[in-house]
Amino acid sequence: MPSSWNTAGHLLELIRSGQASTRGELQALTGLSRSTVGQRLDQLFAAGWLVSTPGQLSTGGRPSFRLAFDTGHAIVLCADLDATHAHAAVLDLAGTVLAERNGELRVSDGPEPVLDALAVWFAELLADSGRPAGAVCGVGLSVPGPVEFDSGLVIRPPIMPGWDAYPIRERLRGALATRAGTHPALPVLVDNDANLMALGEQRRGWPECSTFMLVKVSTGIGAGVVVDGHAFRGIDGGAGDLGHIRLHDRADARCMCGSYGCLAAVASGRAVAGQLADLGVPAVSGADVRRLLDSGQPDAVRLAREAGQRCGEVLATAVTLINPGVLMIAGDLAETHFLTGVRELLYQRALPRTTRNLQVVTSHLGDQAALVGAAAMLVEHLYAPRQADERLAAHAAATAG
């Protein structure tokens, strides 16, 4: 254990990760003295971040006490924006939804009206949850576009006009302080929807899977990859942009990004809806396609399967490159004939070595996946050792003052 591993934040990391649950285990892992471990734990208890419960009797007949991260000591506000609707919730730090709301909210209306509306929703949800604004420790926002994670800026999003490089964090933070009474410096984190869906699904349903891939098929097509428990974003948030991989034989298909031949222009929910509309079948969105599939509409069945096959072609390459243990298909077309098409081409084109340990599954969390992922993202950020120590110092200063 490195000598720098001696702060309260580092001890909290050991407890949260399950590497240690007693004072003795912390001493053994860190090499710190009993008194030093006690001092660090006192900081964590004073902040309300830990709980202690009696464990088994020790060899001396005295009960040991087990330490755990208190996931109820604070709450987070999370929202998942899609092209035409939003899902917002108050969650505890374990990702349990305490209050939630779904409703129409169009990202095409622009950032200011959308973010202001979310602030109003959050104020109402806080009241519904019975938790005070002072309990909010962070806000997570999932968006249907590429995000430069460190800055929180959406960069050139095809379906989010007016959002390019807009200061989302500052606007939402201010709107929440005004509408909900939250702290004016509240941390706000923004990420791509597929990344957060992948993180939520992996943490909740597949925690032992070291390489997890989720593909969201909705208005567009995007992928999120979780490696060793962390979202893989690439150098500037561009990883997983599966929908803009070019198909060699569809140079006629114009994508919303302005290019031709993109997978999303051929196989997304919007693309299939357009193909149905050309046949005289009323459809505008992936949700419309899903309704037609649920009713067994034959053209929708055929086109969804063909779209899945085109997606499967691309995924054969992606799976060969990444070698995930789980490939999850999520979004409007997930549990439909689209999935059948994906499986057909994926197993046909990819080498058996690549797919022999691969599970192809559909979503377990449904429309809560991005919310759970956003909560996990916030906890990982706010309680990472360095941030935890900074927050503990601020808490101690405020208490002393």
Protein backbone atom coordinates (compact mmCIF):
# COMPACT_ATOMS: atom_id res chain seq x y z
CA MET A 1 0.00 0.00 0.00
CA PRO A 2 1.60 3.36 -1.00
CA SER A 3 2.42 5.82 1.76
CA SER A 4 0.01 8.36 0.26
CA TRP A 5 -2.87 5.97 1.03
CA ASN A 6 -3.48 7.45 4.47
CA THR A 7 -6.25 10.04 4.24
CA ALA A 8 -9.87 9.70 5.28
CA GLY A 9 -10.86 9.76 1.61
CA HIS A 10 -8.68 6.76 0.89
CA LEU A 11 -10.10 4.83 3.81
CA LEU A 12 -13.58 5.60 2.53
CA GLU A 13 -12.59 4.22 -0.87
CA LEU A 14 -11.51 0.95 0.74
CA ILE A 15 -14.83 0.71 2.58
CA ARG A 16 -16.99 1.65 -0.43
CA SER A 17 -15.19 -0.81 -2.69
CA GLY A 18 -15.66 -3.66 -0.20
CA GLN A 19 -11.93 -4.14 0.38
CA ALA A 20 -12.31 -3.39 4.09
CA SER A 21 -15.21 -3.36 6.51
CA THR A 22 -13.55 -3.23 9.93
CA ARG A 23 -10.95 -1.08 11.65
CA GLY A 24 -8.61 -4.04 11.77
CA GLU A 25 -8.86 -4.62 8.03
CA LEU A 26 -8.15 -0.94 7.39
CA GLN A 27 -5.05 -1.13 9.60
CA ALA A 28 -3.85 -4.25 7.80
CA LEU A 29 -4.37 -2.76 4.33
CA THR A 30 -2.91 0.67 5.01
CA GLY A 31 -0.26 -0.01 7.63
CA LEU A 32 -1.66 2.88 9.68
CA SER A 33 -1.77 2.74 13.46
CA ARG A 34 -5.00 2.06 15.31
CA SER A 35 -5.15 5.67 16.55
CA THR A 36 -4.58 7.13 13.06
CA VAL A 37 -7.28 4.92 11.56
CA GLY A 38 -9.57 6.03 14.38
CA GLN A 39 -8.89 9.71 13.66
CA ARG A 40 -9.64 9.25 9.94
CA LEU A 41 -12.84 7.38 10.69
CA ASP A 42 -13.91 10.09 13.11
CA GLN A 43 -13.81 12.54 10.18
CA LEU A 44 -16.02 10.28 8.10
CA PHE A 45 -18.50 9.70 10.92
CA ALA A 46 -18.64 13.45 11.64
CA ALA A 47 -19.61 14.07 8.03
CA GLY A 48 -22.32 11.42 8.29
CA TRP A 49 -20.81 9.27 5.55
CA LEU A 50 -20.37 6.03 7.50
CA VAL A 51 -22.55 3.71 9.52
CA SER A 52 -21.29 1.12 12.00
CA THR A 53 -23.15 -2.07 12.85
CA PRO A 54 -22.26 -4.90 15.27
CA GLY A 55 -20.59 -7.84 13.57
CA GLN A 56 -19.55 -11.27 14.75
CA LEU A 57 -17.89 -11.79 18.11
CA SER A 58 -14.12 -11.53 18.00
CA THR A 59 -11.87 -14.18 19.52
CA GLY A 60 -11.68 -12.10 22.71
CA GLY A 61 -15.44 -12.17 23.13
CA ARG A 62 -15.93 -8.54 22.13
CA PRO A 63 -18.15 -7.76 19.13
CA SER A 64 -16.45 -6.31 16.07
CA PHE A 65 -18.16 -3.44 14.28
CA ARG A 66 -18.62 -3.44 10.55
CA LEU A 67 -18.21 -0.21 8.65
CA ALA A 68 -20.28 0.71 5.61
CA PHE A 69 -20.90 3.72 3.40
CA ASP A 70 -24.19 5.34 4.40
CA THR A 71 -26.06 5.60 1.10
CA GLY A 72 -28.95 7.43 2.75
CA HIS A 73 -27.05 10.40 4.17
CA ALA A 74 -27.49 12.46 0.99
CA ILE A 75 -29.42 12.43 -2.27
CA VAL A 76 -28.76 13.24 -5.92
CA LEU A 77 -30.91 14.73 -8.66
CA CYS A 78 -30.66 12.98 -12.02
CA ALA A 79 -32.34 13.51 -15.38
CA ASP A 80 -32.28 11.62 -18.65
CA LEU A 81 -33.04 13.71 -21.75
CA ASP A 82 -34.15 12.08 -24.98
CA ALA A 83 -35.14 13.76 -28.22
CA THR A 84 -38.76 14.40 -27.24
CA HIS A 85 -39.13 13.52 -23.55
CA ALA A 86 -37.33 13.51 -20.22
CA HIS A 87 -37.18 11.36 -17.12
CA ALA A 88 -36.11 12.98 -13.85
CA ALA A 89 -35.71 11.56 -10.37
CA VAL A 90 -34.45 11.99 -6.83
CA LEU A 91 -32.23 9.06 -5.85
CA ASP A 92 -30.25 8.02 -2.80
CA LEU A 93 -26.56 7.21 -3.13
CA ALA A 94 -27.29 3.53 -3.78
CA GLY A 95 -29.24 4.52 -6.90
CA THR A 96 -32.66 3.84 -5.40
CA VAL A 97 -35.33 6.08 -6.90
CA LEU A 98 -37.19 8.06 -4.22
CA ALA A 99 -39.39 10.15 -6.53
CA GLU A 100 -39.56 10.36 -10.33
CA ARG A 101 -41.34 12.04 -13.21
CA ASN A 102 -41.67 11.36 -16.95
CA GLY A 103 -42.92 13.91 -19.42
CA GLU A 104 -42.62 15.56 -22.80
CA LEU A 105 -39.60 17.83 -23.07
CA ARG A 106 -38.03 18.46 -26.46
CA VAL A 107 -34.29 19.01 -26.63
CA SER A 108 -34.86 20.85 -29.91
CA ASP A 109 -36.45 23.68 -27.91
CA GLY A 110 -32.94 24.60 -26.76
CA PRO A 111 -31.00 24.45 -23.50
CA GLU A 112 -32.49 27.33 -21.54
CA PRO A 113 -36.17 26.30 -21.60
CA VAL A 114 -35.29 22.63 -21.13
CA LEU A 115 -32.94 23.20 -18.19
CA ASP A 116 -35.34 25.65 -16.56
CA ALA A 117 -38.14 23.10 -16.89
CA LEU A 118 -35.93 20.44 -15.29
CA ALA A 119 -35.26 22.77 -12.36
CA VAL A 120 -39.01 23.10 -11.81
CA TRP A 121 -39.43 19.33 -12.01
CA PHE A 122 -36.65 18.79 -9.48
CA ALA A 123 -38.18 21.28 -7.05
CA GLU A 124 -41.46 19.35 -7.19
CA LEU A 125 -39.70 15.98 -6.90
CA LEU A 126 -37.81 17.11 -3.81
CA ALA A 127 -41.13 17.97 -2.20
CA ASP A 128 -42.50 14.55 -3.22
CA SER A 129 -39.46 12.75 -1.80
CA GLY A 130 -39.72 14.48 1.57
CA ARG A 131 -36.01 15.29 1.50
CA PRO A 132 -34.72 18.86 1.94
CA ALA A 133 -32.76 20.77 -0.69
CA GLY A 134 -29.79 20.78 1.68
CA ALA A 135 -29.51 16.99 1.32
CA VAL A 136 -28.71 17.26 -2.40
CA CYS A 137 -25.00 16.65 -2.99
CA GLY A 138 -24.95 16.64 -6.79
CA VAL A 139 -26.82 16.63 -10.08
CA GLY A 140 -26.35 14.24 -13.00
CA LEU A 141 -27.64 14.87 -16.52
CA SER A 142 -27.82 12.33 -19.34
CA VAL A 143 -28.05 13.80 -22.87
CA PRO A 144 -28.48 12.26 -26.35
CA GLY A 145 -25.27 13.64 -27.78
CA PRO A 146 -21.48 13.57 -27.48
CA VAL A 147 -20.13 15.15 -24.29
CA GLU A 148 -16.69 16.44 -23.42
CA PHE A 149 -16.82 15.07 -19.90
CA ASP A 150 -14.26 17.24 -18.15
CA SER A 151 -15.90 20.49 -19.28
CA GLY A 152 -19.49 19.19 -19.23
CA LEU A 153 -20.05 20.61 -22.74
CA VAL A 154 -22.07 18.94 -25.46
CA ILE A 155 -20.02 19.01 -28.66
CA ARG A 156 -21.69 19.19 -32.09
CA PRO A 157 -24.76 17.12 -31.21
CA PRO A 158 -26.75 16.12 -34.34
CA ILE A 159 -30.18 16.14 -32.63
CA MET A 160 -29.66 18.94 -30.07
CA PRO A 161 -29.78 22.29 -31.91
CA GLY A 162 -28.54 25.17 -29.79
CA TRP A 163 -26.72 22.96 -27.28
CA ASP A 164 -23.25 22.95 -28.86
CA ALA A 165 -20.76 24.16 -26.21
CA TYR A 166 -23.60 25.63 -24.13
CA PRO A 167 -22.68 26.02 -20.39
CA ILE A 168 -25.14 23.41 -19.13
CA ARG A 169 -23.64 23.05 -15.67
CA GLU A 170 -23.75 26.74 -14.85
CA ARG A 171 -27.30 27.24 -16.16
CA LEU A 172 -28.74 24.18 -14.39
CA ARG A 173 -26.92 24.97 -11.15
CA GLY A 174 -28.32 28.52 -11.13
CA ALA A 175 -31.84 27.42 -12.08
CA LEU A 176 -31.88 24.84 -9.29
CA ALA A 177 -30.66 27.35 -6.71
CA THR A 178 -33.51 29.67 -7.72
CA ARG A 179 -36.28 27.11 -8.13
CA ALA A 180 -35.37 24.43 -5.59
CA GLY A 181 -33.17 26.22 -3.07
CA THR A 182 -30.14 23.99 -3.62
CA HIS A 183 -26.58 25.15 -2.95
CA PRO A 184 -25.42 27.67 -5.61
CA ALA A 185 -22.14 25.76 -6.09
CA LEU A 186 -23.77 22.32 -6.41
CA PRO A 187 -21.67 19.89 -8.50
CA VAL A 188 -23.32 19.14 -11.87
CA LEU A 189 -22.01 16.34 -14.10
CA VAL A 190 -23.09 15.73 -17.71
CA ASP A 191 -22.53 12.63 -19.83
CA ASN A 192 -23.84 10.87 -22.91
CA ASP A 193 -26.96 8.76 -22.40
CA ALA A 194 -25.48 5.49 -23.67
CA ASN A 195 -22.50 5.87 -21.31
CA LEU A 196 -24.76 6.34 -18.30
CA MET A 197 -27.15 3.57 -19.32
CA ALA A 198 -24.19 1.22 -19.64
CA LEU A 199 -22.82 2.27 -16.26
CA GLY A 200 -26.20 1.82 -14.55
CA GLU A 201 -26.90 -1.58 -16.11
CA GLN A 202 -23.38 -2.87 -15.41
CA ARG A 203 -23.34 -1.72 -11.79
CA ARG A 204 -26.79 -3.05 -11.00
CA GLY A 205 -26.96 -6.27 -13.01
CA TRP A 206 -23.48 -7.28 -14.15
CA PRO A 207 -20.99 -6.04 -11.52
CA GLU A 208 -18.54 -8.88 -12.19
CA CYS A 209 -18.35 -8.19 -15.93
CA SER A 210 -15.04 -6.43 -16.61
CA THR A 211 -15.95 -5.35 -20.15
CA PHE A 212 -19.59 -4.41 -20.74
CA MET A 213 -21.08 -2.87 -23.88
CA LEU A 214 -24.53 -1.33 -24.32
CA VAL A 215 -26.03 -0.20 -27.61
CA LYS A 216 -28.97 2.19 -27.46
CA VAL A 217 -31.21 2.19 -30.51
CA SER A 218 -33.62 5.09 -30.42
CA THR A 219 -33.72 8.31 -32.45
CA GLY A 220 -30.07 7.54 -33.16
CA ILE A 221 -27.67 4.73 -32.32
CA GLY A 222 -25.02 5.06 -29.65
CA ALA A 223 -22.89 2.77 -27.54
CA GLY A 224 -21.57 2.90 -24.00
CA VAL A 225 -18.65 0.78 -22.83
CA VAL A 226 -17.73 0.08 -19.19
CA VAL A 227 -14.25 -1.30 -18.55
CA ASP A 228 -13.25 -2.39 -15.03
CA GLY A 229 -16.22 -0.54 -13.57
CA HIS A 230 -15.55 2.78 -15.31
CA ALA A 231 -17.17 4.33 -18.37
CA PHE A 232 -14.76 4.42 -21.31
CA ARG A 233 -15.17 7.81 -22.99
CA GLY A 234 -12.10 8.13 -25.21
CA ILE A 235 -9.88 11.22 -25.12
CA ASP A 236 -12.65 13.78 -25.51
CA GLY A 237 -15.96 11.95 -25.08
CA GLY A 238 -16.22 10.61 -28.62
CA ALA A 239 -16.04 6.89 -27.82
CA GLY A 240 -19.09 4.81 -28.63
CA ASP A 241 -20.43 6.89 -31.53
CA LEU A 242 -21.54 3.71 -33.25
CA GLY A 243 -24.31 5.34 -35.28
CA HIS A 244 -21.84 7.31 -37.38
CA ILE A 245 -19.82 4.37 -38.64
CA ARG A 246 -20.24 4.34 -42.42
CA LEU A 247 -21.91 1.50 -44.30
CA HIS A 248 -20.12 0.71 -47.56
CA ASP A 249 -23.29 0.32 -49.65
CA ARG A 250 -25.57 3.12 -48.45
CA ALA A 251 -24.03 6.33 -49.75
CA ASP A 252 -27.57 7.47 -50.57
CA ALA A 253 -28.69 7.62 -46.91
CA ARG A 254 -28.25 11.11 -45.49
CA CYS A 255 -27.67 11.28 -41.75
CA MET A 256 -28.71 14.04 -39.37
CA CYS A 257 -25.01 14.75 -38.84
CA GLY A 258 -24.83 15.89 -42.47
CA SER A 259 -22.86 12.91 -43.78
CA TYR A 260 -24.05 10.03 -45.93
CA GLY A 261 -24.07 6.32 -45.25
CA CYS A 262 -24.06 6.42 -41.43
CA LEU A 263 -25.50 3.40 -39.63
CA ALA A 264 -27.99 5.68 -37.83
CA ALA A 265 -29.33 6.91 -41.18
CA VAL A 266 -30.21 3.32 -42.09
CA ALA A 267 -30.94 1.40 -38.89
CA SER A 268 -32.04 3.79 -36.10
CA GLY A 269 -35.60 4.10 -34.88
CA ARG A 270 -35.96 7.35 -36.80
CA ALA A 271 -34.62 5.71 -39.96
CA VAL A 272 -37.02 2.77 -39.73
CA ALA A 273 -39.90 5.18 -39.09
CA GLY A 274 -38.94 7.06 -42.25
CA GLN A 275 -38.87 3.84 -44.26
CA LEU A 276 -42.34 2.96 -42.98
CA ALA A 277 -43.64 6.44 -43.80
CA ASP A 278 -42.37 5.99 -47.37
CA LEU A 279 -44.56 2.87 -47.56
CA GLY A 280 -47.57 4.82 -46.33
CA VAL A 281 -47.44 3.52 -42.77
CA PRO A 282 -47.77 6.43 -40.29
CA ALA A 283 -44.56 6.59 -38.22
CA VAL A 284 -42.26 9.39 -37.14
CA SER A 285 -40.12 8.05 -34.30
CA GLY A 286 -38.67 4.91 -32.80
CA ALA A 287 -41.55 4.87 -30.31
CA ASP A 288 -43.98 4.73 -33.26
CA VAL A 289 -42.04 1.83 -34.71
CA ARG A 290 -42.19 0.03 -31.37
CA ARG A 291 -45.98 0.41 -31.24
CA LEU A 292 -46.29 -0.99 -34.78
CA LEU A 293 -44.04 -3.91 -33.86
CA ASP A 294 -46.08 -4.64 -30.77
CA SER A 295 -49.17 -4.90 -33.00
CA GLY A 296 -47.35 -7.18 -35.46
CA GLN A 297 -47.45 -4.78 -38.42
CA PRO A 298 -45.66 -6.81 -41.14
CA ASP A 299 -43.68 -3.98 -42.76
CA ALA A 300 -42.44 -2.86 -39.35
CA VAL A 301 -41.39 -6.42 -38.51
CA ARG A 302 -39.47 -6.81 -41.76
CA LEU A 303 -37.75 -3.42 -41.61
CA ALA A 304 -36.83 -3.75 -37.94
CA ARG A 305 -35.18 -7.10 -38.60
CA GLU A 306 -33.28 -5.68 -41.56
CA ALA A 307 -32.16 -2.73 -39.42
CA GLY A 308 -30.95 -5.14 -36.77
CA GLN A 309 -28.95 -7.02 -39.39
CA ARG A 310 -27.23 -3.80 -40.50
CA CYS A 311 -26.44 -3.00 -36.89
CA GLY A 312 -25.17 -6.55 -36.39
CA GLU A 313 -22.71 -6.06 -39.26
CA VAL A 314 -21.12 -3.13 -37.46
CA LEU A 315 -21.28 -4.81 -34.06
CA ALA A 316 -19.36 -7.82 -35.38
CA THR A 317 -16.39 -5.51 -35.80
CA ALA A 318 -16.98 -3.69 -32.50
CA VAL A 319 -17.27 -6.93 -30.53
CA THR A 320 -14.12 -8.29 -32.18
CA LEU A 321 -12.25 -5.13 -31.17
CA ILE A 322 -13.56 -4.77 -27.60
CA ASN A 323 -14.28 -8.41 -26.66
CA PRO A 324 -17.07 -7.67 -24.12
CA GLY A 325 -18.57 -10.28 -21.85
CA VAL A 326 -22.02 -8.71 -22.18
CA LEU A 327 -23.57 -6.92 -25.16
CA MET A 328 -26.83 -5.25 -24.16
CA ILE A 329 -29.30 -3.89 -26.71
CA ALA A 330 -31.46 -1.11 -25.25
CA GLY A 331 -33.82 1.61 -26.46
CA ASP A 332 -37.04 1.66 -28.45
CA LEU A 333 -36.21 -1.33 -30.67
CA ALA A 334 -34.41 -3.53 -28.13
CA GLU A 335 -36.91 -6.29 -27.40
CA THR A 336 -38.20 -6.61 -30.95
CA HIS A 337 -37.31 -8.23 -34.27
CA PHE A 338 -34.41 -5.76 -34.38
CA LEU A 339 -32.63 -7.92 -31.78
CA THR A 340 -33.21 -11.01 -33.93
CA GLY A 341 -31.48 -9.29 -36.82
CA VAL A 342 -28.56 -8.22 -34.64
CA ARG A 343 -27.98 -11.77 -33.42
CA GLU A 344 -28.20 -13.22 -36.93
CA LEU A 345 -25.46 -11.07 -38.42
CA LEU A 346 -23.33 -10.80 -35.30
CA TYR A 347 -22.91 -14.55 -34.92
CA GLN A 348 -22.57 -14.99 -38.69
CA ARG A 349 -19.80 -12.37 -39.14
CA ALA A 350 -17.85 -12.48 -35.86
CA LEU A 351 -15.37 -15.27 -35.19
CA PRO A 352 -16.52 -17.97 -32.74
CA ARG A 353 -13.55 -17.07 -30.52
CA THR A 354 -15.03 -13.58 -30.11
CA THR A 355 -18.55 -14.68 -29.26
CA ARG A 356 -18.04 -17.89 -27.29
CA ASN A 357 -18.24 -16.09 -23.93
CA LEU A 358 -20.50 -13.28 -25.09
CA GLN A 359 -23.99 -12.81 -23.65
CA VAL A 360 -26.37 -10.79 -25.84
CA VAL A 361 -29.12 -9.43 -23.60
CA THR A 362 -31.69 -6.66 -23.29
CA SER A 363 -32.11 -4.00 -20.63
CA HIS A 364 -32.85 -4.95 -17.01
CA LEU A 365 -33.43 -1.41 -15.71
CA GLY A 366 -35.53 -0.07 -18.57
CA ASP A 367 -36.05 3.68 -18.53
CA GLN A 368 -34.28 3.99 -15.17
CA ALA A 369 -30.90 2.84 -16.52
CA ALA A 370 -29.47 6.29 -17.26
CA LEU A 371 -30.73 7.63 -13.92
CA VAL A 372 -29.05 4.83 -11.99
CA GLY A 373 -25.90 5.37 -14.05
CA ALA A 374 -25.94 9.11 -13.38
CA ALA A 375 -26.23 8.46 -9.64
CA ALA A 376 -23.27 6.05 -9.81
CA MET A 377 -21.26 8.62 -11.76
CA LEU A 378 -21.92 11.26 -9.10
CA VAL A 379 -21.01 8.98 -6.21
CA GLU A 380 -17.78 7.90 -7.90
CA HIS A 381 -16.85 11.54 -8.47
CA LEU A 382 -17.93 13.07 -5.16
CA TYR A 383 -16.55 10.33 -2.92
CA ALA A 384 -13.30 9.61 -4.79
CA PRO A 385 -10.38 10.09 -2.39
CA ARG A 386 -9.26 13.56 -3.48
CA GLN A 387 -12.76 15.03 -3.76
CA ALA A 388 -13.80 13.36 -0.51
CA ASP A 389 -10.85 14.87 1.35
CA GLU A 390 -11.61 18.33 -0.06
CA ARG A 391 -15.24 18.03 0.98
CA LEU A 392 -14.29 16.77 4.44
CA ALA A 393 -11.97 19.77 4.90
CA ALA A 394 -14.77 22.13 3.87
CA HIS A 395 -17.19 20.37 6.24
CA ALA A 396 -14.70 20.65 9.12
CA ALA A 397 -14.12 24.35 8.39
CA ALA A 398 -17.85 25.06 8.24
CA THR A 399 -18.42 23.18 11.49
CA ALA A 400 -15.58 25.02 13.23
CA GLY A 401 -16.87 28.36 11.96
